[in-house]
Amino acid sequence: MTRLQLLALAQDGIDQRSTGMETWLIDPLDGPQVALLNVPAWQPLRTPGEAAAFVERVRAMGPYSRRTWRTSSAGTRPACRRRPIR
């Protein structure tokens, strides 16, 4: 990767962040509601300590989901509603 490519990539990232695009995208097949379903795949349950850690993670899912929902739904509230690009 050349310096010019790296600078262009960095600028693309800055430009993308400045658009607020994350407030426009709501994908029901991606996001925390899907990621949380994958926790058992990467959380080993070989010992009582690992089982306790898993239970703690599962208990934290509810508050995390509610917080994420409140944050992502902010773009759909009337005061924040964005108009589609034409």
PDB file of N, CA and C in Angstrom:
ATOM      1  N   MET A   1       0.848  -1.165   0.000  1.00  0.00           N
ATOM      2  CA  MET A   1       0.000   0.000   0.000  1.00  0.00           C
ATOM      3  C   MET A   1       0.898   1.234   0.000  1.00  0.00           C
ATOM      4  N   THR A   2       0.588   2.136  -0.884  1.00  0.00           N
ATOM      5  CA  THR A   2       1.381   3.364  -0.969  1.00  0.00           C
ATOM      6  C   THR A   2       0.855   4.404   0.017  1.00  0.00           C
ATOM      7  N   ARG A   3       1.640   5.430   0.234  1.00  0.00           N
ATOM      8  CA  ARG A   3       1.230   6.526   1.127  1.00  0.00           C
ATOM      9  C   ARG A   3      -0.048   7.167   0.601  1.00  0.00           C
ATOM     10  N   LEU A   4      -0.130   7.362  -0.715  1.00  0.00           N
ATOM     11  CA  LEU A   4      -1.300   7.991  -1.315  1.00  0.00           C
ATOM     12  C   LEU A   4      -2.560   7.137  -1.104  1.00  0.00           C
ATOM     13  N   GLN A   5      -2.419   5.823  -1.236  1.00  0.00           N
ATOM     14  CA  GLN A   5      -3.560   4.928  -1.008  1.00  0.00           C
ATOM     15  C   GLN A   5      -4.001   4.985   0.451  1.00  0.00           C
ATOM     16  N   LEU A   6      -3.029   4.994   1.351  1.00  0.00           N
ATOM     17  CA  LEU A   6      -3.349   5.065   2.778  1.00  0.00           C
ATOM     18  C   LEU A   6      -4.060   6.369   3.118  1.00  0.00           C
ATOM     19  N   LEU A   7      -3.588   7.475   2.563  1.00  0.00           N
ATOM     20  CA  LEU A   7      -4.249   8.767   2.802  1.00  0.00           C
ATOM     21  C   LEU A   7      -5.668   8.771   2.238  1.00  0.00           C
ATOM     22  N   ALA A   8      -5.848   8.188   1.042  1.00  0.00           N
ATOM     23  CA  ALA A   8      -7.183   8.126   0.437  1.00  0.00           C
ATOM     24  C   ALA A   8      -8.111   7.268   1.279  1.00  0.00           C
ATOM     25  N   LEU A   9      -7.604   6.150   1.790  1.00  0.00           N
ATOM     26  CA  LEU A   9      -8.411   5.275   2.635  1.00  0.00           C
ATOM     27  C   LEU A   9      -8.820   5.983   3.926  1.00  0.00           C
ATOM     28  N   ALA A  10      -7.863   6.689   4.523  1.00  0.00           N
ATOM     29  CA  ALA A  10      -8.171   7.439   5.749  1.00  0.00           C
ATOM     30  C   ALA A  10      -9.213   8.520   5.471  1.00  0.00           C
ATOM     31  N   GLN A  11      -9.072   9.225   4.352  1.00  0.00           N
ATOM     32  CA  GLN A  11     -10.037  10.274   4.015  1.00  0.00           C
ATOM     33  C   GLN A  11     -11.415   9.682   3.756  1.00  0.00           C
ATOM     34  N   ASP A  12     -11.466   8.517   3.115  1.00  0.00           N
ATOM     35  CA  ASP A  12     -12.757   7.846   2.892  1.00  0.00           C
ATOM     36  C   ASP A  12     -13.445   7.551   4.218  1.00  0.00           C
ATOM     37  N   GLY A  13     -12.658   7.071   5.185  1.00  0.00           N
ATOM     38  CA  GLY A  13     -13.224   6.784   6.499  1.00  0.00           C
ATOM     39  C   GLY A  13     -13.759   8.034   7.176  1.00  0.00           C
ATOM     40  N   ILE A  14     -13.006   9.115   7.087  1.00  0.00           N
ATOM     41  CA  ILE A  14     -13.438  10.385   7.680  1.00  0.00           C
ATOM     42  C   ILE A  14     -14.714  10.870   6.998  1.00  0.00           C
ATOM     43  N   ASP A  15     -14.729  10.805   5.667  1.00  0.00           N
ATOM     44  CA  ASP A  15     -15.911  11.249   4.922  1.00  0.00           C
ATOM     45  C   ASP A  15     -17.136  10.410   5.270  1.00  0.00           C
ATOM     46  N   GLN A  16     -16.942   9.103   5.371  1.00  0.00           N
ATOM     47  CA  GLN A  16     -18.073   8.221   5.683  1.00  0.00           C
ATOM     48  C   GLN A  16     -18.626   8.526   7.077  1.00  0.00           C
ATOM     49  N   ARG A  17     -17.746   8.729   8.042  1.00  0.00           N
ATOM     50  CA  ARG A  17     -18.198   9.057   9.400  1.00  0.00           C
ATOM     51  C   ARG A  17     -18.977  10.365   9.438  1.00  0.00           C
ATOM     52  N   SER A  18     -18.551  11.329   8.646  1.00  0.00           N
ATOM     53  CA  SER A  18     -19.187  12.648   8.686  1.00  0.00           C
ATOM     54  C   SER A  18     -20.603  12.638   8.109  1.00  0.00           C
ATOM     55  N   THR A  19     -20.961  11.607   7.353  1.00  0.00           N
ATOM     56  CA  THR A  19     -22.301  11.551   6.764  1.00  0.00           C
ATOM     57  C   THR A  19     -23.362  11.132   7.772  1.00  0.00           C
ATOM     58  N   GLY A  20     -22.948  10.479   8.864  1.00  0.00           N
ATOM     59  CA  GLY A  20     -23.929   9.956   9.811  1.00  0.00           C
ATOM     60  C   GLY A  20     -24.692   8.770   9.244  1.00  0.00           C
ATOM     61  N   MET A  21     -24.081   8.054   8.304  1.00  0.00           N
ATOM     62  CA  MET A  21     -24.745   6.950   7.621  1.00  0.00           C
ATOM     63  C   MET A  21     -25.256   5.877   8.596  1.00  0.00           C
ATOM     64  N   GLU A  22     -24.565   5.711   9.725  1.00  0.00           N
ATOM     65  CA  GLU A  22     -25.013   4.685  10.669  1.00  0.00           C
ATOM     66  C   GLU A  22     -26.408   4.969  11.215  1.00  0.00           C
ATOM     67  N   THR A  23     -26.857   6.211  11.152  1.00  0.00           N
ATOM     68  CA  THR A  23     -28.214   6.511  11.607  1.00  0.00           C
ATOM     69  C   THR A  23     -29.246   6.193  10.534  1.00  0.00           C
ATOM     70  N   TRP A  24     -28.787   5.946   9.319  1.00  0.00           N
ATOM     71  CA  TRP A  24     -29.700   5.630   8.225  1.00  0.00           C
ATOM     72  C   TRP A  24     -29.903   4.136   8.065  1.00  0.00           C
ATOM     73  N   LEU A  25     -28.904   3.350   8.426  1.00  0.00           N
ATOM     74  CA  LEU A  25     -28.936   1.915   8.158  1.00  0.00           C
ATOM     75  C   LEU A  25     -29.548   1.136   9.311  1.00  0.00           C
ATOM     76  N   ILE A  26     -30.583   0.408   9.012  1.00  0.00           N
ATOM     77  CA  ILE A  26     -31.186  -0.498   9.992  1.00  0.00           C
ATOM     78  C   ILE A  26     -31.359  -1.834   9.284  1.00  0.00           C
ATOM     79  N   ASP A  27     -30.493  -2.772   9.601  1.00  0.00           N
ATOM     80  CA  ASP A  27     -30.500  -4.073   8.951  1.00  0.00           C
ATOM     81  C   ASP A  27     -30.913  -5.129   9.966  1.00  0.00           C
ATOM     82  N   PRO A  28     -32.085  -5.742   9.806  1.00  0.00           N
ATOM     83  CA  PRO A  28     -32.544  -6.726  10.783  1.00  0.00           C
ATOM     84  C   PRO A  28     -31.709  -8.002  10.786  1.00  0.00           C
ATOM     85  N   LEU A  29     -30.875  -8.201   9.763  1.00  0.00           N
ATOM     86  CA  LEU A  29     -30.046  -9.396   9.698  1.00  0.00           C
ATOM     87  C   LEU A  29     -28.625  -9.137  10.159  1.00  0.00           C
ATOM     88  N   ASP A  30     -28.405  -7.967  10.739  1.00  0.00           N
ATOM     89  CA  ASP A  30     -27.096  -7.621  11.255  1.00  0.00           C
ATOM     90  C   ASP A  30     -27.302  -6.784  12.508  1.00  0.00           C
ATOM     91  N   GLY A  31     -26.340  -6.747  13.344  1.00  0.00           N
ATOM     92  CA  GLY A  31     -26.444  -5.938  14.547  1.00  0.00           C
ATOM     93  C   GLY A  31     -26.438  -6.783  15.795  1.00  0.00           C
ATOM     94  N   PRO A  32     -26.674  -6.154  16.939  1.00  0.00           N
ATOM     95  CA  PRO A  32     -26.561  -6.852  18.219  1.00  0.00           C
ATOM     96  C   PRO A  32     -27.546  -8.000  18.366  1.00  0.00           C
ATOM     97  N   GLN A  33     -28.745  -7.864  17.787  1.00  0.00           N
ATOM     98  CA  GLN A  33     -29.724  -8.933  17.927  1.00  0.00           C
ATOM     99  C   GLN A  33     -29.235 -10.224  17.282  1.00  0.00           C
ATOM    100  N   VAL A  34     -28.384 -10.139  16.294  1.00  0.00           N
ATOM    101  CA  VAL A  34     -27.810 -11.317  15.653  1.00  0.00           C
ATOM    102  C   VAL A  34     -26.506 -11.708  16.357  1.00  0.00           C
ATOM    103  N   ALA A  35     -25.674 -10.731  16.662  1.00  0.00           N
ATOM    104  CA  ALA A  35     -24.391 -10.999  17.306  1.00  0.00           C
ATOM    105  C   ALA A  35     -24.567 -11.697  18.647  1.00  0.00           C
ATOM    106  N   LEU A  36     -25.569 -11.287  19.406  1.00  0.00           N
ATOM    107  CA  LEU A  36     -25.773 -11.900  20.714  1.00  0.00           C
ATOM    108  C   LEU A  36     -26.160 -13.373  20.606  1.00  0.00           C
ATOM    109  N   LEU A  37     -26.798 -13.745  19.519  1.00  0.00           N
ATOM    110  CA  LEU A  37     -27.145 -15.155  19.331  1.00  0.00           C
ATOM    111  C   LEU A  37     -25.910 -16.018  19.089  1.00  0.00           C
ATOM    112  N   ASN A  38     -24.795 -15.390  18.727  1.00  0.00           N
ATOM    113  CA  ASN A  38     -23.563 -16.128  18.475  1.00  0.00           C
ATOM    114  C   ASN A  38     -22.690 -16.295  19.712  1.00  0.00           C
ATOM    115  N   VAL A  39     -23.067 -15.701  20.829  1.00  0.00           N
ATOM    116  CA  VAL A  39     -22.252 -15.787  22.045  1.00  0.00           C
ATOM    117  C   VAL A  39     -21.959 -17.233  22.430  1.00  0.00           C
ATOM    118  N   PRO A  40     -22.938 -18.148  22.404  1.00  0.00           N
ATOM    119  CA  PRO A  40     -22.610 -19.531  22.778  1.00  0.00           C
ATOM    120  C   PRO A  40     -21.544 -20.166  21.881  1.00  0.00           C
ATOM    121  N   ALA A  41     -21.389 -19.703  20.664  1.00  0.00           N
ATOM    122  CA  ALA A  41     -20.401 -20.283  19.755  1.00  0.00           C
ATOM    123  C   ALA A  41     -18.970 -19.965  20.179  1.00  0.00           C
ATOM    124  N   TRP A  42     -18.747 -18.827  20.830  1.00  0.00           N
ATOM    125  CA  TRP A  42     -17.391 -18.481  21.223  1.00  0.00           C
ATOM    126  C   TRP A  42     -17.171 -18.452  22.728  1.00  0.00           C
ATOM    127  N   GLN A  43     -18.191 -18.760  23.510  1.00  0.00           N
ATOM    128  CA  GLN A  43     -18.046 -18.803  24.964  1.00  0.00           C
ATOM    129  C   GLN A  43     -17.933 -20.261  25.401  1.00  0.00           C
ATOM    130  N   PRO A  44     -16.731 -20.723  25.756  1.00  0.00           N
ATOM    131  CA  PRO A  44     -16.595 -22.115  26.200  1.00  0.00           C
ATOM    132  C   PRO A  44     -17.273 -22.334  27.549  1.00  0.00           C
ATOM    133  N   LEU A  45     -17.742 -23.527  27.752  1.00  0.00           N
ATOM    134  CA  LEU A  45     -18.395 -23.891  29.020  1.00  0.00           C
ATOM    135  C   LEU A  45     -17.742 -25.157  29.582  1.00  0.00           C
ATOM    136  N   ARG A  46     -16.441 -25.081  29.813  1.00  0.00           N
ATOM    137  CA  ARG A  46     -15.702 -26.255  30.289  1.00  0.00           C
ATOM    138  C   ARG A  46     -15.587 -26.314  31.799  1.00  0.00           C
ATOM    139  N   THR A  47     -15.711 -25.177  32.458  1.00  0.00           N
ATOM    140  CA  THR A  47     -15.532 -25.126  33.909  1.00  0.00           C
ATOM    141  C   THR A  47     -16.685 -24.348  34.529  1.00  0.00           C
ATOM    142  N   PRO A  48     -16.876 -24.494  35.842  1.00  0.00           N
ATOM    143  CA  PRO A  48     -17.903 -23.684  36.504  1.00  0.00           C
ATOM    144  C   PRO A  48     -17.651 -22.177  36.350  1.00  0.00           C
ATOM    145  N   GLY A  49     -16.400 -21.763  36.297  1.00  0.00           N
ATOM    146  CA  GLY A  49     -16.077 -20.348  36.116  1.00  0.00           C
ATOM    147  C   GLY A  49     -16.506 -19.845  34.741  1.00  0.00           C
ATOM    148  N   GLU A  50     -16.272 -20.666  33.722  1.00  0.00           N
ATOM    149  CA  GLU A  50     -16.699 -20.288  32.373  1.00  0.00           C
ATOM    150  C   GLU A  50     -18.220 -20.255  32.276  1.00  0.00           C
ATOM    151  N   ALA A  51     -18.876 -21.188  32.971  1.00  0.00           N
ATOM    152  CA  ALA A  51     -20.345 -21.194  32.982  1.00  0.00           C
ATOM    153  C   ALA A  51     -20.873 -19.940  33.674  1.00  0.00           C
ATOM    154  N   ALA A  52     -20.244 -19.545  34.767  1.00  0.00           N
ATOM    155  CA  ALA A  52     -20.666 -18.331  35.479  1.00  0.00           C
ATOM    156  C   ALA A  52     -20.461 -17.095  34.601  1.00  0.00           C
ATOM    157  N   ALA A  53     -19.348 -17.066  33.866  1.00  0.00           N
ATOM    158  CA  ALA A  53     -19.090 -15.941  32.960  1.00  0.00           C
ATOM    159  C   ALA A  53     -20.146 -15.890  31.863  1.00  0.00           C
ATOM    160  N   PHE A  54     -20.553 -17.061  31.374  1.00  0.00           N
ATOM    161  CA  PHE A  54     -21.586 -17.105  30.335  1.00  0.00           C
ATOM    162  C   PHE A  54     -22.915 -16.578  30.869  1.00  0.00           C
ATOM    163  N   VAL A  55     -23.284 -17.005  32.063  1.00  0.00           N
ATOM    164  CA  VAL A  55     -24.533 -16.529  32.674  1.00  0.00           C
ATOM    165  C   VAL A  55     -24.485 -15.017  32.854  1.00  0.00           C
ATOM    166  N   GLU A  56     -23.343 -14.501  33.260  1.00  0.00           N
ATOM    167  CA  GLU A  56     -23.199 -13.047  33.423  1.00  0.00           C
ATOM    168  C   GLU A  56     -23.372 -12.326  32.087  1.00  0.00           C
ATOM    169  N   ARG A  57     -22.808 -12.891  31.040  1.00  0.00           N
ATOM    170  CA  ARG A  57     -22.965 -12.289  29.704  1.00  0.00           C
ATOM    171  C   ARG A  57     -24.420 -12.312  29.257  1.00  0.00           C
ATOM    172  N   VAL A  58     -25.091 -13.429  29.483  1.00  0.00           N
ATOM    173  CA  VAL A  58     -26.493 -13.542  29.077  1.00  0.00           C
ATOM    174  C   VAL A  58     -27.343 -12.533  29.843  1.00  0.00           C
ATOM    175  N   ARG A  59     -27.084 -12.368  31.113  1.00  0.00           N
ATOM    176  CA  ARG A  59     -27.848 -11.395  31.905  1.00  0.00           C
ATOM    177  C   ARG A  59     -27.614  -9.966  31.436  1.00  0.00           C
ATOM    178  N   ALA A  60     -26.443  -9.692  30.901  1.00  0.00           N
ATOM    179  CA  ALA A  60     -26.122  -8.343  30.422  1.00  0.00           C
ATOM    180  C   ALA A  60     -26.738  -8.063  29.051  1.00  0.00           C
ATOM    181  N   MET A  61     -27.219  -9.083  28.379  1.00  0.00           N
ATOM    182  CA  MET A  61     -27.766  -8.901  27.028  1.00  0.00           C
ATOM    183  C   MET A  61     -29.009  -8.013  27.009  1.00  0.00           C
ATOM    184  N   GLY A  62     -29.880  -8.154  27.984  1.00  0.00           N
ATOM    185  CA  GLY A  62     -31.104  -7.354  28.026  1.00  0.00           C
ATOM    186  C   GLY A  62     -30.822  -5.864  28.109  1.00  0.00           C
ATOM    187  N   PRO A  63     -30.057  -5.431  29.125  1.00  0.00           N
ATOM    188  CA  PRO A  63     -29.736  -4.008  29.215  1.00  0.00           C
ATOM    189  C   PRO A  63     -28.967  -3.501  27.994  1.00  0.00           C
ATOM    190  N   TYR A  64     -28.056  -4.310  27.471  1.00  0.00           N
ATOM    191  CA  TYR A  64     -27.303  -3.914  26.278  1.00  0.00           C
ATOM    192  C   TYR A  64     -28.243  -3.729  25.088  1.00  0.00           C
ATOM    193  N   SER A  65     -29.159  -4.659  24.916  1.00  0.00           N
ATOM    194  CA  SER A  65     -30.101  -4.571  23.791  1.00  0.00           C
ATOM    195  C   SER A  65     -30.986  -3.339  23.915  1.00  0.00           C
ATOM    196  N   ARG A  66     -31.478  -3.062  25.108  1.00  0.00           N
ATOM    197  CA  ARG A  66     -32.333  -1.881  25.298  1.00  0.00           C
ATOM    198  C   ARG A  66     -31.558  -0.596  25.015  1.00  0.00           C
ATOM    199  N   ARG A  67     -30.311  -0.517  25.488  1.00  0.00           N
ATOM    200  CA  ARG A  67     -29.478   0.659  25.244  1.00  0.00           C
ATOM    201  C   ARG A  67     -29.225   0.842  23.744  1.00  0.00           C
ATOM    202  N   THR A  68     -28.918  -0.249  23.069  1.00  0.00           N
ATOM    203  CA  THR A  68     -28.657  -0.192  21.634  1.00  0.00           C
ATOM    204  C   THR A  68     -29.911   0.206  20.881  1.00  0.00           C
ATOM    205  N   TRP A  69     -31.059  -0.326  21.270  1.00  0.00           N
ATOM    206  CA  TRP A  69     -32.320   0.015  20.608  1.00  0.00           C
ATOM    207  C   TRP A  69     -32.629   1.498  20.765  1.00  0.00           C
ATOM    208  N   ARG A  70     -32.429   2.017  21.981  1.00  0.00           N
ATOM    209  CA  ARG A  70     -32.695   3.448  22.204  1.00  0.00           C
ATOM    210  C   ARG A  70     -31.787   4.305  21.331  1.00  0.00           C
ATOM    211  N   THR A  71     -30.523   3.922  21.232  1.00  0.00           N
ATOM    212  CA  THR A  71     -29.570   4.688  20.434  1.00  0.00           C
ATOM    213  C   THR A  71     -29.916   4.608  18.954  1.00  0.00           C
ATOM    214  N   SER A  72     -30.225   3.410  18.455  1.00  0.00           N
ATOM    215  CA  SER A  72     -30.488   3.262  17.024  1.00  0.00           C
ATOM    216  C   SER A  72     -31.843   3.827  16.632  1.00  0.00           C
ATOM    217  N   SER A  73     -32.790   3.875  17.552  1.00  0.00           N
ATOM    218  CA  SER A  73     -34.105   4.401  17.211  1.00  0.00           C
ATOM    219  C   SER A  73     -34.145   5.923  17.260  1.00  0.00           C
ATOM    220  N   ALA A  74     -33.074   6.550  17.721  1.00  0.00           N
ATOM    221  CA  ALA A  74     -33.052   8.016  17.791  1.00  0.00           C
ATOM    222  C   ALA A  74     -33.239   8.635  16.417  1.00  0.00           C
ATOM    223  N   GLY A  75     -32.742   7.986  15.373  1.00  0.00           N
ATOM    224  CA  GLY A  75     -32.875   8.519  14.022  1.00  0.00           C
ATOM    225  C   GLY A  75     -34.277   8.419  13.460  1.00  0.00           C
ATOM    226  N   THR A  76     -35.157   7.660  14.114  1.00  0.00           N
ATOM    227  CA  THR A  76     -36.527   7.520  13.611  1.00  0.00           C
ATOM    228  C   THR A  76     -37.505   8.418  14.351  1.00  0.00           C
ATOM    229  N   ARG A  77     -37.048   9.120  15.373  1.00  0.00           N
ATOM    230  CA  ARG A  77     -37.931  10.026  16.100  1.00  0.00           C
ATOM    231  C   ARG A  77     -38.221  11.253  15.251  1.00  0.00           C
ATOM    232  N   PRO A  78     -39.415  11.817  15.384  1.00  0.00           N
ATOM    233  CA  PRO A  78     -39.782  12.967  14.540  1.00  0.00           C
ATOM    234  C   PRO A  78     -38.772  14.110  14.584  1.00  0.00           C
ATOM    235  N   ALA A  79     -38.210  14.408  15.741  1.00  0.00           N
ATOM    236  CA  ALA A  79     -37.287  15.535  15.837  1.00  0.00           C
ATOM    237  C   ALA A  79     -35.970  15.252  15.097  1.00  0.00           C
ATOM    238  N   CYS A  80     -35.652  13.970  14.918  1.00  0.00           N
ATOM    239  CA  CYS A  80     -34.386  13.600  14.285  1.00  0.00           C
ATOM    240  C   CYS A  80     -34.579  12.981  12.917  1.00  0.00           C
ATOM    241  N   ARG A  81     -35.817  12.826  12.486  1.00  0.00           N
ATOM    242  CA  ARG A  81     -36.076  12.089  11.251  1.00  0.00           C
ATOM    243  C   ARG A  81     -35.353  12.715  10.064  1.00  0.00           C
ATOM    244  N   ARG A  82     -34.718  11.884   9.318  1.00  0.00           N
ATOM    245  CA  ARG A  82     -33.991  12.347   8.138  1.00  0.00           C
ATOM    246  C   ARG A  82     -34.793  12.036   6.901  1.00  0.00           C
ATOM    247  N   ARG A  83     -34.643  12.870   5.926  1.00  0.00           N
ATOM    248  CA  ARG A  83     -35.336  12.663   4.659  1.00  0.00           C
ATOM    249  C   ARG A  83     -34.453  11.867   3.724  1.00  0.00           C
ATOM    250  N   PRO A  84     -35.043  11.034   2.884  1.00  0.00           N
ATOM    251  CA  PRO A  84     -34.222  10.284   1.936  1.00  0.00           C
ATOM    252  C   PRO A  84     -33.567  11.192   0.902  1.00  0.00           C
ATOM    253  N   ILE A  85     -32.436  10.740   0.430  1.00  0.00           N
ATOM    254  CA  ILE A  85     -31.730  11.491  -0.612  1.00  0.00           C
ATOM    255  C   ILE A  85     -32.436  11.243  -1.924  1.00  0.00           C
ATOM    256  N   ARG A  86     -32.643  12.288  -2.696  1.00  0.00           N
ATOM    257  CA  ARG A  86     -33.296  12.136  -4.004  1.00  0.00           C
ATOM    258  C   ARG A  86     -32.342  12.421  -5.120  1.00  0.00           C
TER     259      ARG A  86
END
